[in-house]
Amino acid sequence: MEYYSNQINRLVEELVKDAIICGIGPVIGTHVGPGMLALVFMGKGRTQ
């Protein structure tokens, strides 16, 4: 488990430019529990 933790920390330090921490609300929080982690990749708007 420590190996995976180290790999995740390394990737975060190298790749993440900005982090946003926000509340998820009671409905989602009830279903996923206190250990939830979400990764969202935000890009430029599409021109199509």
N, C-alpha and C. Protein backbone atom coordinates (compact mmCIF):
# COMPACT_ATOMS: atom_id res chain seq x y z
N MET A 1 0.82 -1.20 0.00
CA MET A 1 0.00 0.00 0.00
C MET A 1 0.87 1.26 0.00
N GLU A 2 2.00 1.21 0.68
CA GLU A 2 2.89 2.37 0.73
C GLU A 2 3.43 2.70 -0.66
N TYR A 3 3.67 1.67 -1.47
CA TYR A 3 4.16 1.88 -2.83
C TYR A 3 3.17 2.74 -3.63
N TYR A 4 1.89 2.40 -3.54
CA TYR A 4 0.87 3.14 -4.28
C TYR A 4 0.75 4.57 -3.76
N SER A 5 0.84 4.72 -2.47
CA SER A 5 0.78 6.06 -1.88
C SER A 5 1.93 6.93 -2.39
N ASN A 6 3.11 6.37 -2.45
CA ASN A 6 4.27 7.12 -2.95
C ASN A 6 4.12 7.47 -4.42
N GLN A 7 3.59 6.54 -5.20
CA GLN A 7 3.39 6.80 -6.63
C GLN A 7 2.36 7.91 -6.85
N ILE A 8 1.28 7.88 -6.10
CA ILE A 8 0.25 8.92 -6.22
C ILE A 8 0.82 10.27 -5.83
N ASN A 9 1.56 10.32 -4.73
CA ASN A 9 2.16 11.59 -4.30
C ASN A 9 3.11 12.13 -5.36
N ARG A 10 3.89 11.27 -5.98
CA ARG A 10 4.83 11.70 -7.02
C ARG A 10 4.07 12.27 -8.22
N LEU A 11 3.02 11.59 -8.65
CA LEU A 11 2.24 12.07 -9.79
C LEU A 11 1.56 13.40 -9.48
N VAL A 12 1.04 13.53 -8.29
CA VAL A 12 0.38 14.78 -7.92
C VAL A 12 1.37 15.93 -7.96
N GLU A 13 2.53 15.73 -7.40
CA GLU A 13 3.53 16.79 -7.39
C GLU A 13 3.98 17.17 -8.79
N GLU A 14 4.02 16.22 -9.71
CA GLU A 14 4.49 16.48 -11.07
C GLU A 14 3.40 17.05 -11.98
N LEU A 15 2.17 16.60 -11.82
CA LEU A 15 1.14 16.89 -12.81
C LEU A 15 0.08 17.91 -12.39
N VAL A 16 -0.22 17.99 -11.12
CA VAL A 16 -1.32 18.85 -10.69
C VAL A 16 -0.86 20.30 -10.63
N LYS A 17 -1.57 21.16 -11.34
CA LYS A 17 -1.24 22.57 -11.36
C LYS A 17 -2.10 23.36 -10.39
N ASP A 18 -3.29 22.87 -10.11
CA ASP A 18 -4.20 23.58 -9.23
C ASP A 18 -5.12 22.56 -8.57
N ALA A 19 -5.49 22.80 -7.34
CA ALA A 19 -6.40 21.91 -6.63
C ALA A 19 -7.57 22.72 -6.10
N ILE A 20 -8.76 22.16 -6.22
CA ILE A 20 -9.97 22.80 -5.70
C ILE A 20 -10.58 21.85 -4.69
N ILE A 21 -10.82 22.34 -3.51
CA ILE A 21 -11.46 21.54 -2.47
C ILE A 21 -12.83 22.13 -2.23
N CYS A 22 -13.87 21.30 -2.33
CA CYS A 22 -15.23 21.80 -2.14
C CYS A 22 -16.10 20.72 -1.50
N GLY A 23 -17.19 21.16 -0.95
CA GLY A 23 -18.14 20.24 -0.34
C GLY A 23 -18.90 19.46 -1.40
N ILE A 24 -19.33 18.27 -1.06
CA ILE A 24 -20.05 17.44 -2.04
C ILE A 24 -21.52 17.30 -1.71
N GLY A 25 -21.94 17.76 -0.54
CA GLY A 25 -23.35 17.71 -0.18
C GLY A 25 -23.72 16.40 0.50
N PRO A 26 -24.87 16.40 1.17
CA PRO A 26 -25.27 15.24 1.96
C PRO A 26 -25.66 14.00 1.15
N VAL A 27 -26.22 14.18 -0.04
CA VAL A 27 -26.67 13.02 -0.82
C VAL A 27 -25.48 12.21 -1.30
N ILE A 28 -24.53 12.85 -1.95
CA ILE A 28 -23.34 12.13 -2.42
C ILE A 28 -22.52 11.65 -1.24
N GLY A 29 -22.36 12.48 -0.22
CA GLY A 29 -21.60 12.10 0.96
C GLY A 29 -22.14 10.86 1.65
N THR A 30 -23.45 10.72 1.68
CA THR A 30 -24.07 9.54 2.28
C THR A 30 -23.76 8.28 1.49
N HIS A 31 -23.70 8.39 0.19
CA HIS A 31 -23.49 7.21 -0.65
C HIS A 31 -22.03 6.78 -0.75
N VAL A 32 -21.10 7.72 -0.66
CA VAL A 32 -19.70 7.36 -0.86
C VAL A 32 -18.90 7.28 0.43
N GLY A 33 -19.28 7.99 1.45
CA GLY A 33 -18.58 7.93 2.72
C GLY A 33 -17.47 8.95 2.83
N PRO A 34 -16.79 8.97 3.99
CA PRO A 34 -15.82 10.01 4.29
C PRO A 34 -14.49 9.90 3.55
N GLY A 35 -14.19 8.80 2.92
CA GLY A 35 -12.90 8.63 2.26
C GLY A 35 -12.91 8.94 0.77
N MET A 36 -13.94 9.63 0.28
CA MET A 36 -14.08 9.86 -1.15
C MET A 36 -12.99 10.79 -1.68
N LEU A 37 -12.48 10.44 -2.84
CA LEU A 37 -11.54 11.28 -3.57
C LEU A 37 -12.00 11.32 -5.02
N ALA A 38 -12.17 12.50 -5.56
CA ALA A 38 -12.60 12.63 -6.95
C ALA A 38 -11.52 13.34 -7.74
N LEU A 39 -11.25 12.86 -8.92
CA LEU A 39 -10.31 13.50 -9.83
C LEU A 39 -11.08 13.99 -11.04
N VAL A 40 -10.93 15.25 -11.34
CA VAL A 40 -11.62 15.85 -12.48
C VAL A 40 -10.58 16.55 -13.32
N PHE A 41 -10.61 16.29 -14.59
CA PHE A 41 -9.69 16.94 -15.52
C PHE A 41 -10.45 18.01 -16.27
N MET A 42 -10.01 19.24 -16.13
CA MET A 42 -10.68 20.36 -16.77
C MET A 42 -9.83 20.85 -17.94
N GLY A 43 -10.47 21.01 -19.08
CA GLY A 43 -9.75 21.46 -20.26
C GLY A 43 -10.39 22.69 -20.84
N LYS A 44 -9.89 23.10 -21.99
CA LYS A 44 -10.44 24.26 -22.68
C LYS A 44 -11.78 23.88 -23.31
N GLY A 45 -12.61 24.88 -23.52
CA GLY A 45 -13.91 24.66 -24.12
C GLY A 45 -13.78 24.12 -25.55
N ARG A 46 -14.75 23.35 -25.95
CA ARG A 46 -14.74 22.79 -27.31
C ARG A 46 -15.31 23.81 -28.29
N THR A 47 -14.79 23.81 -29.47
CA THR A 47 -15.23 24.78 -30.47
C THR A 47 -16.22 24.18 -31.47
N GLN A 48 -16.64 22.98 -31.26
CA GLN A 48 -17.57 22.32 -32.21
C GLN A 48 -18.98 22.71 -31.92
